[in-house]
Amino acid sequence: MTLRERVSATHILERFVRMSRLLLPSYYSLINQEELSEKDLRKIERINSVYDTFRASPEASEILVNSNIIELIQNLYSELKYSGPSNPASHDALEQFIHESDRLIRNWNYVVKN
């Protein structure tokens, strides 16, 4: 992988992590609601379409940013979709994802400032 390819891949990963930091907690809240509006159902469908088509190797984030963030995203989405938000494993996966994504975002913001 050339330096240019690595920078590009890292930038794409950063954008995906930032997007996921907004979408996955929203998804958690939406699927936790007892009554959903048509708008909520469309939001859930759109989020499902993003993560159902997401194909990335968990090793990619290890190589690019020394983090297991892709694995955390995949685990969280799977837990929420198949086990639901009331499952303790779903809550743990959400907490792990939030902690790691916030750490990465802080690092990226620091780099931008300097």
PDB file of N, CA and C in Angstrom:
ATOM      1  N   MET A   1       0.852  -1.175   0.000  1.00  0.00           N
ATOM      2  CA  MET A   1       0.000   0.000   0.000  1.00  0.00           C
ATOM      3  C   MET A   1       0.896   1.237   0.000  1.00  0.00           C
ATOM      4  N   THR A   2       0.655   2.098  -0.968  1.00  0.00           N
ATOM      5  CA  THR A   2       1.439   3.330  -1.047  1.00  0.00           C
ATOM      6  C   THR A   2       0.994   4.292   0.052  1.00  0.00           C
ATOM      7  N   LEU A   3       1.787   5.292   0.264  1.00  0.00           N
ATOM      8  CA  LEU A   3       1.443   6.295   1.273  1.00  0.00           C
ATOM      9  C   LEU A   3       0.136   6.993   0.913  1.00  0.00           C
ATOM     10  N   ARG A   4      -0.024   7.325  -0.354  1.00  0.00           N
ATOM     11  CA  ARG A   4      -1.258   7.994  -0.799  1.00  0.00           C
ATOM     12  C   ARG A   4      -2.483   7.099  -0.549  1.00  0.00           C
ATOM     13  N   GLU A   5      -2.380   5.815  -0.836  1.00  0.00           N
ATOM     14  CA  GLU A   5      -3.479   4.875  -0.604  1.00  0.00           C
ATOM     15  C   GLU A   5      -3.784   4.747   0.885  1.00  0.00           C
ATOM     16  N   ARG A   6      -2.740   4.730   1.686  1.00  0.00           N
ATOM     17  CA  ARG A   6      -2.921   4.617   3.135  1.00  0.00           C
ATOM     18  C   ARG A   6      -3.621   5.853   3.696  1.00  0.00           C
ATOM     19  N   VAL A   7      -3.219   7.032   3.240  1.00  0.00           N
ATOM     20  CA  VAL A   7      -3.841   8.278   3.689  1.00  0.00           C
ATOM     21  C   VAL A   7      -5.306   8.308   3.268  1.00  0.00           C
ATOM     22  N   SER A   8      -5.575   7.913   2.041  1.00  0.00           N
ATOM     23  CA  SER A   8      -6.946   7.887   1.535  1.00  0.00           C
ATOM     24  C   SER A   8      -7.803   6.896   2.329  1.00  0.00           C
ATOM     25  N   ALA A   9      -7.279   5.715   2.575  1.00  0.00           N
ATOM     26  CA  ALA A   9      -8.012   4.694   3.335  1.00  0.00           C
ATOM     27  C   ALA A   9      -8.265   5.159   4.768  1.00  0.00           C
ATOM     28  N   THR A  10      -7.295   5.816   5.367  1.00  0.00           N
ATOM     29  CA  THR A  10      -7.462   6.327   6.730  1.00  0.00           C
ATOM     30  C   THR A  10      -8.530   7.416   6.761  1.00  0.00           C
ATOM     31  N   HIS A  11      -8.545   8.267   5.755  1.00  0.00           N
ATOM     32  CA  HIS A  11      -9.556   9.321   5.678  1.00  0.00           C
ATOM     33  C   HIS A  11     -10.962   8.717   5.535  1.00  0.00           C
ATOM     34  N   ILE A  12     -11.088   7.696   4.702  1.00  0.00           N
ATOM     35  CA  ILE A  12     -12.384   7.022   4.537  1.00  0.00           C
ATOM     36  C   ILE A  12     -12.813   6.376   5.847  1.00  0.00           C
ATOM     37  N   LEU A  13     -11.878   5.725   6.525  1.00  0.00           N
ATOM     38  CA  LEU A  13     -12.178   5.109   7.822  1.00  0.00           C
ATOM     39  C   LEU A  13     -12.623   6.172   8.826  1.00  0.00           C
ATOM     40  N   GLU A  14     -11.927   7.291   8.852  1.00  0.00           N
ATOM     41  CA  GLU A  14     -12.294   8.377   9.770  1.00  0.00           C
ATOM     42  C   GLU A  14     -13.728   8.834   9.514  1.00  0.00           C
ATOM     43  N   ARG A  15     -14.073   9.048   8.264  1.00  0.00           N
ATOM     44  CA  ARG A  15     -15.431   9.489   7.930  1.00  0.00           C
ATOM     45  C   ARG A  15     -16.464   8.442   8.330  1.00  0.00           C
ATOM     46  N   PHE A  16     -16.133   7.163   8.131  1.00  0.00           N
ATOM     47  CA  PHE A  16     -17.063   6.096   8.492  1.00  0.00           C
ATOM     48  C   PHE A  16     -17.237   6.020  10.012  1.00  0.00           C
ATOM     49  N   VAL A  17     -16.171   6.192  10.751  1.00  0.00           N
ATOM     50  CA  VAL A  17     -16.258   6.155  12.218  1.00  0.00           C
ATOM     51  C   VAL A  17     -17.082   7.336  12.719  1.00  0.00           C
ATOM     52  N   ARG A  18     -16.838   8.508  12.178  1.00  0.00           N
ATOM     53  CA  ARG A  18     -17.619   9.687  12.590  1.00  0.00           C
ATOM     54  C   ARG A  18     -19.102   9.500  12.258  1.00  0.00           C
ATOM     55  N   MET A  19     -19.397   8.960  11.094  1.00  0.00           N
ATOM     56  CA  MET A  19     -20.782   8.707  10.721  1.00  0.00           C
ATOM     57  C   MET A  19     -21.400   7.663  11.661  1.00  0.00           C
ATOM     58  N   SER A  20     -20.668   6.615  11.941  1.00  0.00           N
ATOM     59  CA  SER A  20     -21.163   5.554  12.818  1.00  0.00           C
ATOM     60  C   SER A  20     -21.392   6.054  14.235  1.00  0.00           C
ATOM     61  N   ARG A  21     -20.565   7.017  14.648  1.00  0.00           N
ATOM     62  CA  ARG A  21     -20.714   7.572  16.005  1.00  0.00           C
ATOM     63  C   ARG A  21     -22.065   8.277  16.152  1.00  0.00           C
ATOM     64  N   LEU A  22     -22.603   8.766  15.050  1.00  0.00           N
ATOM     65  CA  LEU A  22     -23.934   9.375  15.068  1.00  0.00           C
ATOM     66  C   LEU A  22     -25.032   8.340  14.821  1.00  0.00           C
ATOM     67  N   LEU A  23     -24.831   7.482  13.832  1.00  0.00           N
ATOM     68  CA  LEU A  23     -25.877   6.548  13.423  1.00  0.00           C
ATOM     69  C   LEU A  23     -26.153   5.432  14.427  1.00  0.00           C
ATOM     70  N   LEU A  24     -25.120   4.808  14.949  1.00  0.00           N
ATOM     71  CA  LEU A  24     -25.355   3.641  15.800  1.00  0.00           C
ATOM     72  C   LEU A  24     -26.048   3.975  17.124  1.00  0.00           C
ATOM     73  N   PRO A  25     -25.678   5.044  17.819  1.00  0.00           N
ATOM     74  CA  PRO A  25     -26.466   5.396  19.011  1.00  0.00           C
ATOM     75  C   PRO A  25     -27.911   5.772  18.658  1.00  0.00           C
ATOM     76  N   SER A  26     -28.113   6.398  17.503  1.00  0.00           N
ATOM     77  CA  SER A  26     -29.481   6.710  17.054  1.00  0.00           C
ATOM     78  C   SER A  26     -30.249   5.423  16.783  1.00  0.00           C
ATOM     79  N   TYR A  27     -29.597   4.483  16.135  1.00  0.00           N
ATOM     80  CA  TYR A  27     -30.194   3.177  15.855  1.00  0.00           C
ATOM     81  C   TYR A  27     -30.593   2.491  17.167  1.00  0.00           C
ATOM     82  N   TYR A  28     -29.703   2.537  18.137  1.00  0.00           N
ATOM     83  CA  TYR A  28     -29.960   1.962  19.461  1.00  0.00           C
ATOM     84  C   TYR A  28     -31.235   2.570  20.054  1.00  0.00           C
ATOM     85  N   SER A  29     -31.348   3.883  19.986  1.00  0.00           N
ATOM     86  CA  SER A  29     -32.529   4.569  20.525  1.00  0.00           C
ATOM     87  C   SER A  29     -33.791   4.229  19.742  1.00  0.00           C
ATOM     88  N   LEU A  30     -33.677   4.211  18.440  1.00  0.00           N
ATOM     89  CA  LEU A  30     -34.850   3.928  17.601  1.00  0.00           C
ATOM     90  C   LEU A  30     -35.410   2.535  17.847  1.00  0.00           C
ATOM     91  N   ILE A  31     -34.542   1.530  17.847  1.00  0.00           N
ATOM     92  CA  ILE A  31     -35.053   0.169  17.998  1.00  0.00           C
ATOM     93  C   ILE A  31     -35.485  -0.113  19.432  1.00  0.00           C
ATOM     94  N   ASN A  32     -35.169   0.790  20.333  1.00  0.00           N
ATOM     95  CA  ASN A  32     -35.578   0.649  21.728  1.00  0.00           C
ATOM     96  C   ASN A  32     -36.979   1.228  21.958  1.00  0.00           C
ATOM     97  N   GLN A  33     -37.475   1.986  21.001  1.00  0.00           N
ATOM     98  CA  GLN A  33     -38.801   2.591  21.135  1.00  0.00           C
ATOM     99  C   GLN A  33     -39.887   1.538  20.950  1.00  0.00           C
ATOM    100  N   GLU A  34     -40.968   1.703  21.696  1.00  0.00           N
ATOM    101  CA  GLU A  34     -42.082   0.761  21.574  1.00  0.00           C
ATOM    102  C   GLU A  34     -42.934   1.050  20.350  1.00  0.00           C
ATOM    103  N   GLU A  35     -43.179   2.313  20.077  1.00  0.00           N
ATOM    104  CA  GLU A  35     -43.976   2.679  18.917  1.00  0.00           C
ATOM    105  C   GLU A  35     -43.116   3.518  17.976  1.00  0.00           C
ATOM    106  N   LEU A  36     -43.106   3.097  16.717  1.00  0.00           N
ATOM    107  CA  LEU A  36     -42.290   3.785  15.723  1.00  0.00           C
ATOM    108  C   LEU A  36     -43.181   4.426  14.664  1.00  0.00           C
ATOM    109  N   SER A  37     -42.830   5.629  14.302  1.00  0.00           N
ATOM    110  CA  SER A  37     -43.539   6.309  13.222  1.00  0.00           C
ATOM    111  C   SER A  37     -43.000   5.802  11.885  1.00  0.00           C
ATOM    112  N   GLU A  38     -43.658   6.183  10.808  1.00  0.00           N
ATOM    113  CA  GLU A  38     -43.168   5.832   9.475  1.00  0.00           C
ATOM    114  C   GLU A  38     -41.773   6.419   9.246  1.00  0.00           C
ATOM    115  N   LYS A  39     -41.564   7.623   9.740  1.00  0.00           N
ATOM    116  CA  LYS A  39     -40.258   8.280   9.603  1.00  0.00           C
ATOM    117  C   LYS A  39     -39.184   7.478  10.341  1.00  0.00           C
ATOM    118  N   ASP A  40     -39.507   7.002  11.554  1.00  0.00           N
ATOM    119  CA  ASP A  40     -38.565   6.184  12.321  1.00  0.00           C
ATOM    120  C   ASP A  40     -38.248   4.881  11.601  1.00  0.00           C
ATOM    121  N   LEU A  41     -39.258   4.265  11.035  1.00  0.00           N
ATOM    122  CA  LEU A  41     -39.050   3.016  10.300  1.00  0.00           C
ATOM    123  C   LEU A  41     -38.155   3.232   9.086  1.00  0.00           C
ATOM    124  N   ARG A  42     -38.327   4.358   8.400  1.00  0.00           N
ATOM    125  CA  ARG A  42     -37.456   4.675   7.260  1.00  0.00           C
ATOM    126  C   ARG A  42     -36.021   4.898   7.718  1.00  0.00           C
ATOM    127  N   LYS A  43     -35.858   5.562   8.861  1.00  0.00           N
ATOM    128  CA  LYS A  43     -34.504   5.770   9.404  1.00  0.00           C
ATOM    129  C   LYS A  43     -33.847   4.418   9.697  1.00  0.00           C
ATOM    130  N   ILE A  44     -34.597   3.529  10.316  1.00  0.00           N
ATOM    131  CA  ILE A  44     -34.064   2.199  10.636  1.00  0.00           C
ATOM    132  C   ILE A  44     -33.681   1.461   9.357  1.00  0.00           C
ATOM    133  N   GLU A  45     -34.520   1.524   8.351  1.00  0.00           N
ATOM    134  CA  GLU A  45     -34.223   0.880   7.068  1.00  0.00           C
ATOM    135  C   GLU A  45     -32.951   1.440   6.443  1.00  0.00           C
ATOM    136  N   ARG A  46     -32.792   2.758   6.487  1.00  0.00           N
ATOM    137  CA  ARG A  46     -31.594   3.382   5.896  1.00  0.00           C
ATOM    138  C   ARG A  46     -30.338   2.976   6.662  1.00  0.00           C
ATOM    139  N   ILE A  47     -30.431   2.938   7.980  1.00  0.00           N
ATOM    140  CA  ILE A  47     -29.276   2.524   8.780  1.00  0.00           C
ATOM    141  C   ILE A  47     -28.951   1.060   8.492  1.00  0.00           C
ATOM    142  N   ASN A  48     -29.989   0.215   8.429  1.00  0.00           N
ATOM    143  CA  ASN A  48     -29.758  -1.194   8.089  1.00  0.00           C
ATOM    144  C   ASN A  48     -29.076  -1.319   6.733  1.00  0.00           C
ATOM    145  N   SER A  49     -29.491  -0.520   5.765  1.00  0.00           N
ATOM    146  CA  SER A  49     -28.893  -0.627   4.433  1.00  0.00           C
ATOM    147  C   SER A  49     -27.415  -0.233   4.449  1.00  0.00           C
ATOM    148  N   VAL A  50     -27.055   0.728   5.281  1.00  0.00           N
ATOM    149  CA  VAL A  50     -25.644   1.123   5.391  1.00  0.00           C
ATOM    150  C   VAL A  50     -24.813  -0.023   5.938  1.00  0.00           C
ATOM    151  N   TYR A  51     -25.254  -0.598   7.057  1.00  0.00           N
ATOM    152  CA  TYR A  51     -24.430  -1.598   7.735  1.00  0.00           C
ATOM    153  C   TYR A  51     -24.582  -2.998   7.147  1.00  0.00           C
ATOM    154  N   ASP A  52     -25.709  -3.283   6.493  1.00  0.00           N
ATOM    155  CA  ASP A  52     -25.852  -4.588   5.838  1.00  0.00           C
ATOM    156  C   ASP A  52     -24.953  -4.692   4.610  1.00  0.00           C
ATOM    157  N   THR A  53     -24.649  -3.559   3.994  1.00  0.00           N
ATOM    158  CA  THR A  53     -23.784  -3.574   2.811  1.00  0.00           C
ATOM    159  C   THR A  53     -22.322  -3.258   3.139  1.00  0.00           C
ATOM    160  N   PHE A  54     -22.035  -2.936   4.368  1.00  0.00           N
ATOM    161  CA  PHE A  54     -20.681  -2.587   4.792  1.00  0.00           C
ATOM    162  C   PHE A  54     -19.802  -3.836   4.773  1.00  0.00           C
ATOM    163  N   ARG A  55     -18.764  -3.785   3.978  1.00  0.00           N
ATOM    164  CA  ARG A  55     -17.832  -4.914   3.865  1.00  0.00           C
ATOM    165  C   ARG A  55     -16.412  -4.393   4.068  1.00  0.00           C
ATOM    166  N   ALA A  56     -15.906  -4.600   5.239  1.00  0.00           N
ATOM    167  CA  ALA A  56     -14.515  -4.234   5.506  1.00  0.00           C
ATOM    168  C   ALA A  56     -13.937  -5.255   6.470  1.00  0.00           C
ATOM    169  N   SER A  57     -12.711  -5.529   6.295  1.00  0.00           N
ATOM    170  CA  SER A  57     -12.024  -6.464   7.173  1.00  0.00           C
ATOM    171  C   SER A  57     -11.683  -5.759   8.484  1.00  0.00           C
ATOM    172  N   PRO A  58     -11.953  -6.402   9.603  1.00  0.00           N
ATOM    173  CA  PRO A  58     -11.581  -5.793  10.887  1.00  0.00           C
ATOM    174  C   PRO A  58     -10.084  -5.491  10.997  1.00  0.00           C
ATOM    175  N   GLU A  59      -9.283  -6.238  10.268  1.00  0.00           N
ATOM    176  CA  GLU A  59      -7.836  -6.011  10.300  1.00  0.00           C
ATOM    177  C   GLU A  59      -7.465  -4.662   9.683  1.00  0.00           C
ATOM    178  N   ALA A  60      -8.322  -4.140   8.826  1.00  0.00           N
ATOM    179  CA  ALA A  60      -8.015  -2.868   8.162  1.00  0.00           C
ATOM    180  C   ALA A  60      -7.823  -1.745   9.177  1.00  0.00           C
ATOM    181  N   SER A  61      -8.703  -1.661  10.163  1.00  0.00           N
ATOM    182  CA  SER A  61      -8.557  -0.588  11.151  1.00  0.00           C
ATOM    183  C   SER A  61      -7.353  -0.831  12.062  1.00  0.00           C
ATOM    184  N   GLU A  62      -7.025  -2.096  12.281  1.00  0.00           N
ATOM    185  CA  GLU A  62      -5.822  -2.399  13.067  1.00  0.00           C
ATOM    186  C   GLU A  62      -4.585  -1.875  12.340  1.00  0.00           C
ATOM    187  N   ILE A  63      -4.551  -2.098  11.042  1.00  0.00           N
ATOM    188  CA  ILE A  63      -3.404  -1.673  10.236  1.00  0.00           C
ATOM    189  C   ILE A  63      -3.356  -0.158  10.099  1.00  0.00           C
ATOM    190  N   LEU A  64      -4.510   0.454   9.812  1.00  0.00           N
ATOM    191  CA  LEU A  64      -4.535   1.885   9.516  1.00  0.00           C
ATOM    192  C   LEU A  64      -4.411   2.768  10.747  1.00  0.00           C
ATOM    193  N   VAL A  65      -5.134   2.440  11.809  1.00  0.00           N
ATOM    194  CA  VAL A  65      -5.164   3.343  12.978  1.00  0.00           C
ATOM    195  C   VAL A  65      -4.898   2.624  14.300  1.00  0.00           C
ATOM    196  N   ASN A  66      -4.407   1.387  14.199  1.00  0.00           N
ATOM    197  CA  ASN A  66      -4.071   0.628  15.400  1.00  0.00           C
ATOM    198  C   ASN A  66      -5.260   0.553  16.372  1.00  0.00           C
ATOM    199  N   SER A  67      -6.413   0.186  15.817  1.00  0.00           N
ATOM    200  CA  SER A  67      -7.643   0.120  16.595  1.00  0.00           C
ATOM    201  C   SER A  67      -8.520  -1.004  16.057  1.00  0.00           C
ATOM    202  N   ASN A  68      -9.340  -1.562  16.914  1.00  0.00           N
ATOM    203  CA  ASN A  68     -10.297  -2.588  16.492  1.00  0.00           C
ATOM    204  C   ASN A  68     -11.671  -1.981  16.205  1.00  0.00           C
ATOM    205  N   ILE A  69     -11.723  -0.739  15.772  1.00  0.00           N
ATOM    206  CA  ILE A  69     -12.974  -0.008  15.607  1.00  0.00           C
ATOM    207  C   ILE A  69     -13.902  -0.674  14.596  1.00  0.00           C
ATOM    208  N   ILE A  70     -13.398  -1.227  13.517  1.00  0.00           N
ATOM    209  CA  ILE A  70     -14.280  -1.889  12.547  1.00  0.00           C
ATOM    210  C   ILE A  70     -14.951  -3.092  13.192  1.00  0.00           C
ATOM    211  N   GLU A  71     -14.193  -3.851  13.930  1.00  0.00           N
ATOM    212  CA  GLU A  71     -14.770  -5.002  14.639  1.00  0.00           C
ATOM    213  C   GLU A  71     -15.831  -4.538  15.641  1.00  0.00           C
ATOM    214  N   LEU A  72     -15.569  -3.460  16.343  1.00  0.00           N
ATOM    215  CA  LEU A  72     -16.543  -2.934  17.304  1.00  0.00           C
ATOM    216  C   LEU A  72     -17.824  -2.486  16.611  1.00  0.00           C
ATOM    217  N   ILE A  73     -17.690  -1.843  15.464  1.00  0.00           N
ATOM    218  CA  ILE A  73     -18.864  -1.401  14.699  1.00  0.00           C
ATOM    219  C   ILE A  73     -19.665  -2.614  14.243  1.00  0.00           C
ATOM    220  N   GLN A  74     -18.994  -3.600  13.689  1.00  0.00           N
ATOM    221  CA  GLN A  74     -19.680  -4.796  13.216  1.00  0.00           C
ATOM    222  C   GLN A  74     -20.362  -5.540  14.362  1.00  0.00           C
ATOM    223  N   ASN A  75     -19.684  -5.659  15.489  1.00  0.00           N
ATOM    224  CA  ASN A  75     -20.266  -6.343  16.644  1.00  0.00           C
ATOM    225  C   ASN A  75     -21.484  -5.601  17.181  1.00  0.00           C
ATOM    226  N   LEU A  76     -21.365  -4.290  17.295  1.00  0.00           N
ATOM    227  CA  LEU A  76     -22.477  -3.494  17.819  1.00  0.00           C
ATOM    228  C   LEU A  76     -23.689  -3.613  16.905  1.00  0.00           C
ATOM    229  N   TYR A  77     -23.492  -3.439  15.625  1.00  0.00           N
ATOM    230  CA  TYR A  77     -24.622  -3.526  14.696  1.00  0.00           C
ATOM    231  C   TYR A  77     -25.275  -4.907  14.776  1.00  0.00           C
ATOM    232  N   SER A  78     -24.481  -5.961  14.789  1.00  0.00           N
ATOM    233  CA  SER A  78     -25.029  -7.321  14.882  1.00  0.00           C
ATOM    234  C   SER A  78     -25.815  -7.524  16.170  1.00  0.00           C
ATOM    235  N   GLU A  79     -25.244  -7.089  17.269  1.00  0.00           N
ATOM    236  CA  GLU A  79     -25.934  -7.229  18.562  1.00  0.00           C
ATOM    237  C   GLU A  79     -27.268  -6.500  18.548  1.00  0.00           C
ATOM    238  N   LEU A  80     -27.266  -5.272  18.052  1.00  0.00           N
ATOM    239  CA  LEU A  80     -28.501  -4.485  18.039  1.00  0.00           C
ATOM    240  C   LEU A  80     -29.527  -5.088  17.092  1.00  0.00           C
ATOM    241  N   LYS A  81     -29.092  -5.495  15.928  1.00  0.00           N
ATOM    242  CA  LYS A  81     -30.026  -6.006  14.926  1.00  0.00           C
ATOM    243  C   LYS A  81     -30.619  -7.355  15.333  1.00  0.00           C
ATOM    244  N   TYR A  82     -29.803  -8.237  15.865  1.00  0.00           N
ATOM    245  CA  TYR A  82     -30.261  -9.600  16.121  1.00  0.00           C
ATOM    246  C   TYR A  82     -30.636  -9.874  17.574  1.00  0.00           C
ATOM    247  N   SER A  83     -30.095  -9.123  18.525  1.00  0.00           N
ATOM    248  CA  SER A  83     -30.412  -9.366  19.931  1.00  0.00           C
ATOM    249  C   SER A  83     -31.254  -8.258  20.554  1.00  0.00           C
ATOM    250  N   GLY A  84     -31.206  -7.077  19.948  1.00  0.00           N
ATOM    251  CA  GLY A  84     -31.985  -5.957  20.468  1.00  0.00           C
ATOM    252  C   GLY A  84     -31.223  -5.156  21.504  1.00  0.00           C
ATOM    253  N   PRO A  85     -31.703  -3.948  21.772  1.00  0.00           N
ATOM    254  CA  PRO A  85     -30.996  -3.060  22.688  1.00  0.00           C
ATOM    255  C   PRO A  85     -31.110  -3.453  24.161  1.00  0.00           C
ATOM    256  N   SER A  86     -32.078  -4.285  24.496  1.00  0.00           N
ATOM    257  CA  SER A  86     -32.247  -4.648  25.913  1.00  0.00           C
ATOM    258  C   SER A  86     -31.289  -5.746  26.344  1.00  0.00           C
ATOM    259  N   ASN A  87     -30.623  -6.384  25.401  1.00  0.00           N
ATOM    260  CA  ASN A  87     -29.651  -7.415  25.709  1.00  0.00           C
ATOM    261  C   ASN A  87     -28.408  -6.772  26.334  1.00  0.00           C
ATOM    262  N   PRO A  88     -27.923  -7.298  27.470  1.00  0.00           N
ATOM    263  CA  PRO A  88     -26.716  -6.716  28.090  1.00  0.00           C
ATOM    264  C   PRO A  88     -25.504  -6.678  27.147  1.00  0.00           C
ATOM    265  N   ALA A  89     -25.389  -7.663  26.263  1.00  0.00           N
ATOM    266  CA  ALA A  89     -24.264  -7.675  25.318  1.00  0.00           C
ATOM    267  C   ALA A  89     -24.361  -6.491  24.361  1.00  0.00           C
ATOM    268  N   SER A  90     -25.574  -6.084  24.014  1.00  0.00           N
ATOM    269  CA  SER A  90     -25.765  -4.918  23.138  1.00  0.00           C
ATOM    270  C   SER A  90     -25.299  -3.653  23.835  1.00  0.00           C
ATOM    271  N   HIS A  91     -25.653  -3.523  25.101  1.00  0.00           N
ATOM    272  CA  HIS A  91     -25.234  -2.342  25.860  1.00  0.00           C
ATOM    273  C   HIS A  91     -23.717  -2.311  26.008  1.00  0.00           C
ATOM    274  N   ASP A  92     -23.120  -3.456  26.296  1.00  0.00           N
ATOM    275  CA  ASP A  92     -21.655  -3.522  26.408  1.00  0.00           C
ATOM    276  C   ASP A  92     -20.982  -3.171  25.085  1.00  0.00           C
ATOM    277  N   ALA A  93     -21.526  -3.689  23.984  1.00  0.00           N
ATOM    278  CA  ALA A  93     -20.965  -3.384  22.664  1.00  0.00           C
ATOM    279  C   ALA A  93     -21.078  -1.890  22.371  1.00  0.00           C
ATOM    280  N   LEU A  94     -22.197  -1.271  22.753  1.00  0.00           N
ATOM    281  CA  LEU A  94     -22.373   0.169  22.553  1.00  0.00           C
ATOM    282  C   LEU A  94     -21.343   0.950  23.365  1.00  0.00           C
ATOM    283  N   GLU A  95     -21.160   0.593  24.605  1.00  0.00           N
ATOM    284  CA  GLU A  95     -20.182   1.272  25.457  1.00  0.00           C
ATOM    285  C   GLU A  95     -18.768   1.152  24.907  1.00  0.00           C
ATOM    286  N   GLN A  96     -18.392  -0.038  24.452  1.00  0.00           N
ATOM    287  CA  GLN A  96     -17.051  -0.235  23.889  1.00  0.00           C
ATOM    288  C   GLN A  96     -16.871   0.606  22.625  1.00  0.00           C
ATOM    289  N   PHE A  97     -17.891   0.606  21.774  1.00  0.00           N
ATOM    290  CA  PHE A  97     -17.822   1.389  20.547  1.00  0.00           C
ATOM    291  C   PHE A  97     -17.699   2.876  20.860  1.00  0.00           C
ATOM    292  N   ILE A  98     -18.520   3.380  21.753  1.00  0.00           N
ATOM    293  CA  ILE A  98     -18.483   4.812  22.101  1.00  0.00           C
ATOM    294  C   ILE A  98     -17.110   5.185  22.642  1.00  0.00           C
ATOM    295  N   HIS A  99     -16.598   4.372  23.531  1.00  0.00           N
ATOM    296  CA  HIS A  99     -15.291   4.665  24.135  1.00  0.00           C
ATOM    297  C   HIS A  99     -14.197   4.731  23.058  1.00  0.00           C
ATOM    298  N   GLU A 100     -14.138   3.730  22.193  1.00  0.00           N
ATOM    299  CA  GLU A 100     -13.071   3.687  21.186  1.00  0.00           C
ATOM    300  C   GLU A 100     -13.280   4.740  20.098  1.00  0.00           C
ATOM    301  N   SER A 101     -14.507   4.938  19.653  1.00  0.00           N
ATOM    302  CA  SER A 101     -14.738   5.948  18.613  1.00  0.00           C
ATOM    303  C   SER A 101     -14.442   7.347  19.140  1.00  0.00           C
ATOM    304  N   ASP A 102     -14.812   7.633  20.368  1.00  0.00           N
ATOM    305  CA  ASP A 102     -14.498   8.935  20.955  1.00  0.00           C
ATOM    306  C   ASP A 102     -12.992   9.149  21.059  1.00  0.00           C
ATOM    307  N   ARG A 103     -12.267   8.091  21.410  1.00  0.00           N
ATOM    308  CA  ARG A 103     -10.802   8.185  21.501  1.00  0.00           C
ATOM    309  C   ARG A 103     -10.208   8.512  20.130  1.00  0.00           C
ATOM    310  N   LEU A 104     -10.663   7.791  19.106  1.00  0.00           N
ATOM    311  CA  LEU A 104     -10.152   8.039  17.759  1.00  0.00           C
ATOM    312  C   LEU A 104     -10.502   9.441  17.274  1.00  0.00           C
ATOM    313  N   ILE A 105     -11.726   9.864  17.508  1.00  0.00           N
ATOM    314  CA  ILE A 105     -12.157  11.193  17.069  1.00  0.00           C
ATOM    315  C   ILE A 105     -11.352  12.278  17.780  1.00  0.00           C
ATOM    316  N   ARG A 106     -11.090  12.102  19.059  1.00  0.00           N
ATOM    317  CA  ARG A 106     -10.234  13.068  19.779  1.00  0.00           C
ATOM    318  C   ARG A 106      -8.853  13.134  19.139  1.00  0.00           C
ATOM    319  N   ASN A 107      -8.294  11.976  18.806  1.00  0.00           N
ATOM    320  CA  ASN A 107      -6.967  11.943  18.165  1.00  0.00           C
ATOM    321  C   ASN A 107      -6.993  12.641  16.811  1.00  0.00           C
ATOM    322  N   TRP A 108      -8.019  12.353  16.008  1.00  0.00           N
ATOM    323  CA  TRP A 108      -8.113  12.992  14.697  1.00  0.00           C
ATOM    324  C   TRP A 108      -8.311  14.498  14.833  1.00  0.00           C
ATOM    325  N   ASN A 109      -9.111  14.922  15.783  1.00  0.00           N
ATOM    326  CA  ASN A 109      -9.312  16.357  16.003  1.00  0.00           C
ATOM    327  C   ASN A 109      -8.016  17.025  16.442  1.00  0.00           C
ATOM    328  N   TYR A 110      -7.238  16.340  17.262  1.00  0.00           N
ATOM    329  CA  TYR A 110      -5.952  16.867  17.718  1.00  0.00           C
ATOM    330  C   TYR A 110      -5.001  17.067  16.535  1.00  0.00           C
ATOM    331  N   VAL A 111      -4.969  16.084  15.642  1.00  0.00           N
ATOM    332  CA  VAL A 111      -4.103  16.170  14.458  1.00  0.00           C
ATOM    333  C   VAL A 111      -4.514  17.358  13.593  1.00  0.00           C
ATOM    334  N   VAL A 112      -5.802  17.564  13.429  1.00  0.00           N
ATOM    335  CA  VAL A 112      -6.293  18.678  12.602  1.00  0.00           C
ATOM    336  C   VAL A 112      -5.893  20.008  13.221  1.00  0.00           C
ATOM    337  N   LYS A 113      -5.924  20.120  14.531  1.00  0.00           N
ATOM    338  CA  LYS A 113      -5.571  21.380  15.205  1.00  0.00           C
ATOM    339  C   LYS A 113      -4.096  21.712  15.059  1.00  0.00           C
ATOM    340  N   ASN A 114      -3.271  20.686  14.941  1.00  0.00           N
ATOM    341  CA  ASN A 114      -1.820  20.922  14.873  1.00  0.00           C
ATOM    342  C   ASN A 114      -1.332  20.893  13.499  1.00  0.00           C
TER     343      ASN A 114
END
